Amino acid sequence: MLNKFFKLKEHQTTVKRELVGGMVTFLTMSYILVVNPSILGETGMDRGALFTATALATIVGTLLMAFLANLPVAQAPGMGLNAFFAYTVVLSMGYSWQFALTAVFIEGLAFILLTVLNVRELIVKSIPPTIKYAIPVGIGLFIAFLGLQQAGMVVKNDATIVGIGDLSAPSVWIAAVGLVLTGVLFARKAPGAILMGILGATACGVFFGQVRLPDASLIALPPDIRPVFWQLEWGNIFTLDMLIIVFTLLFVNLFDTIGTLIGVALKAGLVDRDGNFPQIRRALLSDALATTVGAVLGTSTLTSYIESASGVASGGRTGLTAVSVGLMFAVALFFAPLFLMIPAAATAPALIIVGLFMIAAVTKIAFDDLTEALPAFLTVVMMPFTASIAQGIVFGMLSFVALKALSGKHRQISPQMYVIAALLLIKVALDSLMYG
């Protein structure tokens, strides 16, 4: 039944590989259960309720991706999007968190409409191949950078922006052991290398005193969700601020999701020569539905998680991997202390290794043509430098249109790209208005 529904043989995978891939994805993204309630809790929302809302929204979004699109991609409240929700809309602009949830709900409905009308799919197909090849490279550098930060190997430095961390810190040694172990296991073609690396690093964490067993029971009922469930506010929706907020959420979520889907699909070998794949429409619909449901449950915008690439690197190829992720989050609702024992440093090697795998697409970029190479380069470097997949795509696409148009190669620009570029310029202007 599983083989028939998820087409396991067609994708040259097995139930075991899919489940292992799902477990690895869960371990590399389970931090969201802690981080999302912490960020949104700054607005005055109940943190216990946010934990439950985060887990339930992740389960729903990931299962939608599994059963509608049959992709090994997990969905959860997006990092950056949750910060925009809390620090910009609520704490800076002065609106209530109920107002912010309403904006997320409206965004979800707008995305459903755009997906049904094929607008989002048209945007994906309009992205030039050079940008599509650059996206996984940029994502690879971005998530490798996140892994190095999690390990404490790269830290903030006032003089040089970033610098080397304290190499004597336990987190560095935990991550180093996990990285070497994972590399050796991959070299020996051991199945489940990333998962085994995470577990090995966790064991090292016990030796360094960085892993502590919970003082209370490992099993507990999840906190009550009612303080944040269906808490929408309709009083100020017809305002310029609401329009700007929804428009910003739409663009960031659109390009975060597109970038992640293209990157993971390329890694999984699911795309054609032009970087397209048949499940894209259903994947985008899954994203739109997940965001709408997430707003009802009481959390910020959901998006596809790039950590899904770690599960793909471990063998995941179909929606069964996503089902496995969803089941892990369902278990985490009742066993949160057990799953949260794994230190961030132990999952850092997985992100670094996946970053290595994803930069392989750089060989497909035509570096002998500057009008192709420069937009690709900007896409790549702006992702880690701005900590945003969406910003990387924005800079890449705008530079592509500008370079082609001004160098006499305007015929290589599709009509849709001109429209997208105009909308991106509007987005840049709105950002300047909001943050200026």
Protein backbone atom coordinates (compact mmCIF):
# COMPACT_ATOMS: atom_id res chain seq x y z
CA MET A 1 0.00 0.00 0.00
CA LEU A 2 2.80 2.44 0.91
CA ASN A 3 4.69 1.58 -2.26
CA LYS A 4 1.61 2.15 -4.41
CA PHE A 5 0.56 5.44 -2.78
CA PHE A 6 3.99 7.06 -2.43
CA LYS A 7 5.55 5.36 -5.49
CA LEU A 8 8.58 4.13 -3.54
CA LYS A 9 9.94 1.85 -6.28
CA GLU A 10 9.58 4.56 -8.89
CA HIS A 11 11.72 6.86 -6.71
CA GLN A 12 14.19 4.04 -5.90
CA THR A 13 13.67 4.19 -2.17
CA THR A 14 12.40 2.01 0.68
CA VAL A 15 10.19 2.44 3.73
CA LYS A 16 13.26 2.29 5.99
CA ARG A 17 15.07 5.04 4.08
CA GLU A 18 11.98 7.24 4.13
CA LEU A 19 11.50 6.83 7.88
CA VAL A 20 15.17 7.51 8.59
CA GLY A 21 15.02 10.58 6.33
CA GLY A 22 11.99 11.83 8.25
CA MET A 23 13.69 11.33 11.59
CA VAL A 24 16.76 13.26 10.43
CA THR A 25 14.60 16.12 9.13
CA PHE A 26 12.74 16.20 12.44
CA LEU A 27 15.93 16.30 14.49
CA THR A 28 17.39 19.15 12.42
CA MET A 29 14.23 21.29 12.63
CA SER A 30 12.79 20.36 16.03
CA TYR A 31 14.32 23.57 17.42
CA ILE A 32 11.23 25.34 16.08
CA LEU A 33 9.26 23.89 19.01
CA VAL A 34 11.40 26.00 21.33
CA VAL A 35 12.30 29.02 19.18
CA ASN A 36 8.87 29.84 17.72
CA PRO A 37 7.08 30.09 21.11
CA SER A 38 10.01 32.15 22.40
CA ILE A 39 9.80 34.69 19.54
CA LEU A 40 6.00 34.94 19.33
CA GLY A 41 5.79 34.94 23.12
CA GLU A 42 7.41 38.40 23.08
CA THR A 43 4.05 39.73 21.87
CA GLY A 44 2.24 38.56 24.98
CA MET A 45 0.93 35.31 23.50
CA ASP A 46 0.76 32.31 25.83
CA ARG A 47 3.99 30.34 25.30
CA GLY A 48 2.53 27.01 26.35
CA ALA A 49 -0.32 27.42 23.87
CA LEU A 50 2.24 28.47 21.25
CA PHE A 51 4.16 25.22 21.75
CA THR A 52 1.02 23.22 20.99
CA ALA A 53 0.04 25.48 18.09
CA THR A 54 3.53 25.22 16.58
CA ALA A 55 3.54 21.43 16.77
CA LEU A 56 -0.02 21.03 15.42
CA ALA A 57 0.54 23.49 12.56
CA THR A 58 3.77 21.69 11.64
CA ILE A 59 1.99 18.33 11.65
CA VAL A 60 -0.87 19.59 9.46
CA GLY A 61 1.41 21.43 7.02
CA THR A 62 3.83 18.52 6.67
CA LEU A 63 1.08 15.94 6.16
CA LEU A 64 -0.48 18.18 3.50
CA MET A 65 2.86 18.16 1.68
CA ALA A 66 3.02 14.39 2.05
CA PHE A 67 -0.44 13.47 0.81
CA LEU A 68 -1.12 16.27 -1.69
CA ALA A 69 2.33 16.64 -3.27
CA ASN A 70 4.17 13.42 -2.30
CA LEU A 71 7.32 15.40 -1.50
CA PRO A 72 9.88 14.79 1.30
CA VAL A 73 9.39 18.36 2.52
CA ALA A 74 8.35 19.48 6.01
CA GLN A 75 6.48 22.70 6.76
CA ALA A 76 6.57 24.75 9.95
CA PRO A 77 6.34 28.38 11.09
CA GLY A 78 9.07 30.17 9.15
CA MET A 79 12.05 31.72 10.84
CA GLY A 80 12.23 35.38 9.85
CA LEU A 81 8.50 35.40 9.20
CA ASN A 82 7.85 34.83 12.90
CA ALA A 83 10.33 37.62 13.74
CA PHE A 84 8.51 39.96 11.32
CA PHE A 85 5.23 39.00 13.03
CA ALA A 86 6.52 39.72 16.53
CA TYR A 87 9.09 42.49 16.26
CA THR A 88 7.78 44.50 13.31
CA VAL A 89 3.98 44.14 13.23
CA VAL A 90 3.36 43.93 16.99
CA LEU A 91 6.28 45.47 18.87
CA SER A 92 7.31 48.15 16.32
CA MET A 93 4.05 49.04 14.55
CA GLY A 94 2.01 48.67 17.75
CA TYR A 95 -0.69 46.29 16.52
CA SER A 96 -2.09 43.44 18.59
CA TRP A 97 -0.94 39.88 17.99
CA GLN A 98 -4.55 39.10 17.05
CA PHE A 99 -4.24 41.66 14.23
CA ALA A 100 -1.00 39.99 13.10
CA LEU A 101 -2.67 36.57 13.07
CA THR A 102 -5.44 38.03 10.93
CA ALA A 103 -2.83 39.27 8.44
CA VAL A 104 -1.38 35.75 8.27
CA PHE A 105 -4.87 34.32 7.72
CA ILE A 106 -5.58 36.78 4.87
CA GLU A 107 -2.19 35.98 3.35
CA GLY A 108 -3.04 32.28 3.40
CA LEU A 109 -6.36 32.89 1.65
CA ALA A 110 -4.61 35.06 -0.96
CA PHE A 111 -2.07 32.31 -1.56
CA ILE A 112 -4.82 29.74 -2.04
CA LEU A 113 -6.41 32.00 -4.68
CA LEU A 114 -3.06 32.64 -6.44
CA THR A 115 -2.32 28.91 -6.45
CA VAL A 116 -5.72 27.94 -7.86
CA LEU A 117 -5.24 30.56 -10.60
CA ASN A 118 -1.77 29.09 -11.36
CA VAL A 119 -0.07 32.44 -10.66
CA ARG A 120 2.47 30.94 -8.24
CA GLU A 121 3.27 28.06 -10.59
CA LEU A 122 3.72 30.55 -13.44
CA ILE A 123 6.22 32.48 -11.31
CA VAL A 124 8.19 29.29 -10.62
CA LYS A 125 8.34 28.41 -14.32
CA SER A 126 9.36 31.98 -15.21
CA ILE A 127 12.49 31.89 -13.04
CA PRO A 128 15.53 31.64 -15.39
CA PRO A 129 17.49 28.36 -15.24
CA THR A 130 20.65 30.16 -14.05
CA ILE A 131 18.75 31.44 -10.99
CA LYS A 132 17.28 27.99 -10.37
CA TYR A 133 20.78 26.47 -10.38
CA ALA A 134 22.01 29.21 -8.05
CA ILE A 135 19.21 28.75 -5.51
CA PRO A 136 20.42 25.43 -4.02
CA VAL A 137 23.99 26.75 -3.96
CA GLY A 138 22.94 29.82 -1.98
CA ILE A 139 20.77 27.70 0.30
CA GLY A 140 23.69 25.34 0.85
CA LEU A 141 25.97 28.16 1.99
CA PHE A 142 23.17 29.60 4.11
CA ILE A 143 22.38 26.42 6.02
CA ALA A 144 26.07 25.55 6.38
CA PHE A 145 26.52 29.01 7.95
CA LEU A 146 23.60 28.28 10.29
CA GLY A 147 25.23 24.99 11.24
CA LEU A 148 28.55 26.68 11.99
CA GLN A 149 26.71 29.21 14.15
CA GLN A 150 24.82 26.48 16.00
CA ALA A 151 28.13 24.78 16.71
CA GLY A 152 29.70 27.99 18.02
CA MET A 153 32.43 27.75 15.38
CA VAL A 154 31.34 31.08 13.83
CA VAL A 155 30.22 33.89 16.16
CA LYS A 156 29.37 37.58 16.03
CA ASN A 157 32.37 39.89 16.01
CA ASP A 158 31.98 43.66 16.37
CA ALA A 159 35.17 44.35 14.43
CA THR A 160 34.72 41.93 11.51
CA ILE A 161 30.94 41.21 11.73
CA VAL A 162 31.62 37.49 12.18
CA GLY A 163 34.66 35.60 13.45
CA ILE A 164 35.92 32.29 14.75
CA GLY A 165 34.35 31.08 17.97
CA ASP A 166 35.95 29.72 21.12
CA LEU A 167 37.48 26.46 19.87
CA SER A 168 37.72 25.14 23.41
CA ALA A 169 33.94 25.37 23.91
CA PRO A 170 32.11 22.03 24.37
CA SER A 171 29.67 22.87 21.56
CA VAL A 172 32.55 23.12 19.07
CA TRP A 173 33.92 19.73 20.05
CA ILE A 174 30.48 18.13 19.97
CA ALA A 175 29.87 19.46 16.46
CA ALA A 176 33.41 18.52 15.32
CA VAL A 177 32.96 14.93 16.48
CA GLY A 178 29.58 14.74 14.78
CA LEU A 179 30.95 16.25 11.57
CA VAL A 180 33.90 13.86 11.33
CA LEU A 181 31.72 10.88 12.24
CA THR A 182 29.09 11.81 9.64
CA GLY A 183 31.78 12.33 6.99
CA VAL A 184 33.38 8.96 7.70
CA LEU A 185 29.99 7.19 7.61
CA PHE A 186 29.15 8.81 4.26
CA ALA A 187 32.57 7.85 2.90
CA ARG A 188 31.87 4.25 3.94
CA LYS A 189 28.38 4.50 2.40
CA ALA A 190 26.74 3.66 5.73
CA PRO A 191 22.92 3.99 5.67
CA GLY A 192 21.50 6.68 7.94
CA ALA A 193 24.88 8.46 8.20
CA ILE A 194 23.40 11.83 9.17
CA LEU A 195 21.15 10.34 11.88
CA MET A 196 24.03 8.29 13.27
CA GLY A 197 26.17 11.42 13.27
CA ILE A 198 23.54 13.32 15.28
CA LEU A 199 23.25 10.49 17.80
CA GLY A 200 27.05 10.21 18.05
CA ALA A 201 27.36 13.94 18.66
CA THR A 202 24.64 13.73 21.31
CA ALA A 203 26.59 10.96 23.07
CA CYS A 204 29.63 13.26 22.96
CA GLY A 205 27.42 15.94 24.50
CA VAL A 206 26.74 13.64 27.46
CA PHE A 207 30.51 13.35 28.01
CA PHE A 208 30.85 17.16 28.00
CA GLY A 209 27.87 17.63 30.31
CA GLN A 210 25.81 19.38 27.64
CA VAL A 211 22.95 16.84 27.66
CA ARG A 212 20.78 16.70 30.74
CA LEU A 213 18.04 14.25 31.49
CA PRO A 214 14.71 15.91 32.30
CA ASP A 215 13.94 16.39 35.97
CA ALA A 216 10.22 15.79 35.48
CA SER A 217 8.34 13.04 33.68
CA LEU A 218 9.17 12.48 30.02
CA ILE A 219 5.48 12.11 29.20
CA ALA A 220 2.99 14.96 29.65
CA LEU A 221 -0.15 16.26 27.99
CA PRO A 222 0.49 19.20 25.65
CA PRO A 223 -0.45 22.69 26.93
CA ASP A 224 -3.93 24.07 26.25
CA ILE A 225 -4.12 25.73 22.81
CA ARG A 226 -7.26 27.80 23.51
CA PRO A 227 -5.45 31.06 24.46
CA VAL A 228 -4.25 31.45 20.84
CA PHE A 229 -6.75 29.35 18.86
CA TRP A 230 -8.98 31.31 16.38
CA GLN A 231 -7.96 34.65 17.89
CA LEU A 232 -8.51 36.81 14.80
CA GLU A 233 -9.25 40.54 14.84
CA TRP A 234 -11.19 42.09 11.96
CA GLY A 235 -11.43 45.71 13.09
CA ASN A 236 -8.50 47.24 11.17
CA ILE A 237 -8.16 45.07 8.10
CA PHE A 238 -9.01 47.81 5.55
CA THR A 239 -5.90 49.87 6.20
CA LEU A 240 -2.68 50.67 4.31
CA ASP A 241 -0.67 48.98 7.06
CA MET A 242 -2.62 45.74 6.64
CA LEU A 243 -2.04 45.88 2.87
CA ILE A 244 1.72 46.37 3.33
CA ILE A 245 1.94 43.63 5.96
CA VAL A 246 0.04 41.08 3.85
CA PHE A 247 2.03 42.04 0.73
CA THR A 248 5.32 41.59 2.62
CA LEU A 249 4.25 38.22 4.03
CA LEU A 250 3.16 37.12 0.55
CA PHE A 251 6.47 37.93 -1.10
CA VAL A 252 8.74 36.57 1.60
CA ASN A 253 6.75 33.36 1.92
CA LEU A 254 6.46 32.98 -1.86
CA PHE A 255 10.17 33.12 -2.55
CA ASP A 256 11.21 31.26 0.62
CA THR A 257 8.91 28.41 -0.40
CA ILE A 258 9.92 28.47 -4.07
CA GLY A 259 13.61 28.51 -3.15
CA THR A 260 13.26 25.65 -0.70
CA LEU A 261 11.13 23.51 -3.03
CA ILE A 262 13.51 23.97 -5.96
CA GLY A 263 16.56 23.33 -3.79
CA VAL A 264 15.19 20.17 -2.17
CA ALA A 265 13.69 18.87 -5.43
CA LEU A 266 17.02 19.34 -7.23
CA LYS A 267 18.80 17.47 -4.45
CA ALA A 268 16.23 14.66 -4.65
CA GLY A 269 16.52 14.43 -8.44
CA LEU A 270 12.86 15.30 -8.99
CA VAL A 271 13.27 18.16 -11.50
CA ASP A 272 13.59 18.38 -15.27
CA ARG A 273 16.21 20.29 -17.29
CA ASP A 274 14.53 23.63 -16.62
CA GLY A 275 14.31 23.09 -12.87
CA ASN A 276 10.56 22.34 -12.89
CA PHE A 277 8.82 19.35 -11.35
CA PRO A 278 5.25 18.06 -11.72
CA GLN A 279 4.30 18.32 -8.03
CA ILE A 280 4.99 22.05 -7.78
CA ARG A 281 1.33 23.15 -7.98
CA ARG A 282 0.22 20.74 -5.26
CA ALA A 283 3.23 21.70 -3.15
CA LEU A 284 2.32 25.38 -3.37
CA LEU A 285 -1.31 24.58 -2.52
CA SER A 286 -0.09 22.62 0.51
CA ASP A 287 1.89 25.67 1.61
CA ALA A 288 -1.11 28.00 1.17
CA LEU A 289 -3.46 25.70 3.10
CA ALA A 290 -0.89 25.21 5.87
CA THR A 291 -0.47 28.97 6.39
CA THR A 292 -4.25 29.44 6.62
CA VAL A 293 -4.66 26.59 9.10
CA GLY A 294 -1.65 27.82 11.08
CA ALA A 295 -3.24 31.24 11.55
CA VAL A 296 -6.40 29.58 12.89
CA LEU A 297 -4.34 27.46 15.28
CA GLY A 298 -2.50 30.57 16.48
CA THR A 299 0.93 30.77 14.86
CA SER A 300 2.76 32.79 12.23
CA THR A 301 3.19 32.00 8.52
CA LEU A 302 4.17 28.44 7.66
CA THR A 303 6.75 27.72 4.97
CA SER A 304 8.69 24.78 3.56
CA TYR A 305 11.78 24.05 5.67
CA ILE A 306 15.20 23.86 4.06
CA GLU A 307 16.18 21.40 6.80
CA SER A 308 14.17 18.93 4.70
CA ALA A 309 17.32 18.67 2.58
CA SER A 310 18.99 16.79 5.44
CA GLY A 311 16.30 14.11 5.20
CA VAL A 312 16.76 13.96 1.43
CA ALA A 313 20.51 13.54 1.94
CA SER A 314 19.67 10.60 4.21
CA GLY A 315 17.64 8.89 1.49
CA GLY A 316 14.18 10.48 1.69
CA ARG A 317 12.53 10.87 -1.71
CA THR A 318 8.76 10.82 -1.24
CA GLY A 319 5.91 12.02 0.93
CA LEU A 320 6.49 9.09 3.27
CA THR A 321 9.48 11.02 4.61
CA ALA A 322 7.13 13.93 5.37
CA VAL A 323 4.69 11.53 7.06
CA SER A 324 7.56 10.37 9.26
CA VAL A 325 8.34 13.99 10.18
CA GLY A 326 4.69 14.62 11.04
CA LEU A 327 4.59 11.54 13.27
CA MET A 328 7.75 12.68 15.07
CA PHE A 329 6.19 16.05 15.83
CA ALA A 330 3.03 14.31 17.03
CA VAL A 331 5.13 12.23 19.43
CA ALA A 332 7.02 15.37 20.48
CA LEU A 333 3.73 16.84 21.70
CA PHE A 334 3.81 14.28 24.51
CA PHE A 335 7.56 13.63 24.78
CA ALA A 336 8.92 17.13 24.36
CA PRO A 337 11.54 16.81 27.17
CA LEU A 338 13.03 13.72 25.50
CA PHE A 339 13.40 15.25 22.04
CA LEU A 340 14.62 18.58 23.36
CA MET A 341 17.54 16.86 25.13
CA ILE A 342 19.48 16.80 21.85
CA PRO A 343 21.74 19.90 21.87
CA ALA A 344 21.83 22.26 18.92
CA ALA A 345 25.50 21.48 18.43
CA ALA A 346 24.62 17.85 17.71
CA THR A 347 22.39 18.78 14.76
CA ALA A 348 24.86 21.35 13.40
CA PRO A 349 26.95 18.74 11.49
CA ALA A 350 23.85 17.69 9.55
CA LEU A 351 23.36 21.24 8.29
CA ILE A 352 27.03 21.60 7.35
CA ILE A 353 27.09 18.30 5.44
CA VAL A 354 23.85 19.12 3.61
CA GLY A 355 25.30 22.52 2.71
CA LEU A 356 28.23 20.70 1.12
CA PHE A 357 25.92 18.51 -0.95
CA MET A 358 23.79 21.40 -2.18
CA ILE A 359 26.57 23.52 -3.66
CA ALA A 360 27.21 20.88 -6.35
CA ALA A 361 24.71 22.69 -8.63
CA VAL A 362 27.23 25.52 -9.05
CA THR A 363 28.83 23.54 -11.92
CA LYS A 364 25.69 24.09 -14.03
CA ILE A 365 26.00 27.91 -13.98
CA ALA A 366 27.36 29.47 -17.20
CA PHE A 367 30.21 31.55 -15.78
CA ASP A 368 31.43 32.50 -19.26
CA ASP A 369 28.35 34.74 -19.72
CA LEU A 370 28.32 37.61 -17.21
CA THR A 371 24.60 38.23 -17.75
CA GLU A 372 24.04 34.69 -16.48
CA ALA A 373 26.86 34.49 -13.94
CA LEU A 374 26.34 37.78 -12.05
CA PRO A 375 22.62 37.21 -11.28
CA ALA A 376 23.48 33.68 -10.17
CA PHE A 377 26.32 34.98 -8.00
CA LEU A 378 24.09 37.60 -6.36
CA THR A 379 21.46 34.92 -5.69
CA VAL A 380 24.10 32.77 -4.02
CA VAL A 381 25.82 35.36 -1.85
CA MET A 382 22.77 37.34 -0.76
CA MET A 383 21.14 34.32 0.88
CA PRO A 384 23.75 33.80 3.62
CA PHE A 385 24.66 37.52 3.83
CA THR A 386 21.04 38.62 4.41
CA ALA A 387 19.93 35.40 6.16
CA SER A 388 17.06 35.21 3.69
CA ILE A 389 16.37 32.84 0.80
CA ALA A 390 13.77 35.31 -0.49
CA GLN A 391 16.21 38.25 -0.66
CA GLY A 392 18.70 36.15 -2.62
CA ILE A 393 16.07 35.37 -5.26
CA VAL A 394 14.92 39.02 -5.38
CA PHE A 395 18.46 40.32 -6.05
CA GLY A 396 19.13 37.57 -8.56
CA MET A 397 15.97 38.12 -10.59
CA LEU A 398 16.18 41.93 -10.62
CA SER A 399 19.81 41.83 -11.73
CA PHE A 400 18.98 39.24 -14.41
CA VAL A 401 16.34 41.49 -15.97
CA ALA A 402 18.53 44.61 -15.72
CA LEU A 403 21.63 42.98 -17.23
CA LYS A 404 19.81 41.24 -20.07
CA ALA A 405 17.78 44.34 -20.95
CA LEU A 406 20.74 46.74 -20.91
CA SER A 407 23.21 44.45 -22.72
CA GLY A 408 21.08 43.87 -25.81
CA LYS A 409 19.78 40.46 -24.76
CA HIS A 410 16.22 41.54 -23.95
CA ARG A 411 14.82 38.71 -26.06
CA GLN A 412 16.00 36.29 -23.37
CA ILE A 413 13.61 37.92 -20.88
CA SER A 414 10.12 36.47 -20.87
CA PRO A 415 7.11 38.85 -20.55
CA GLN A 416 6.35 37.25 -17.17
CA MET A 417 9.82 38.20 -15.91
CA TYR A 418 9.15 41.88 -16.62
CA VAL A 419 5.95 41.66 -14.56
CA ILE A 420 7.72 39.83 -11.73
CA ALA A 421 10.55 42.39 -11.75
CA ALA A 422 8.03 45.23 -11.49
CA LEU A 423 6.36 43.55 -8.52
CA LEU A 424 9.74 42.98 -6.89
CA LEU A 425 10.54 46.68 -7.25
CA ILE A 426 7.22 47.48 -5.57
CA LYS A 427 8.21 45.10 -2.78
CA VAL A 428 11.58 46.87 -2.36
CA ALA A 429 9.76 50.24 -2.22
CA LEU A 430 7.33 48.95 0.42
CA ASP A 431 10.24 47.60 2.46
CA SER A 432 11.83 51.04 2.34
CA LEU A 433 8.55 52.61 3.44
CA MET A 434 8.09 50.16 6.29
CA TYR A 435 11.65 50.11 7.62
CA GLY A 436 12.65 53.64 6.62
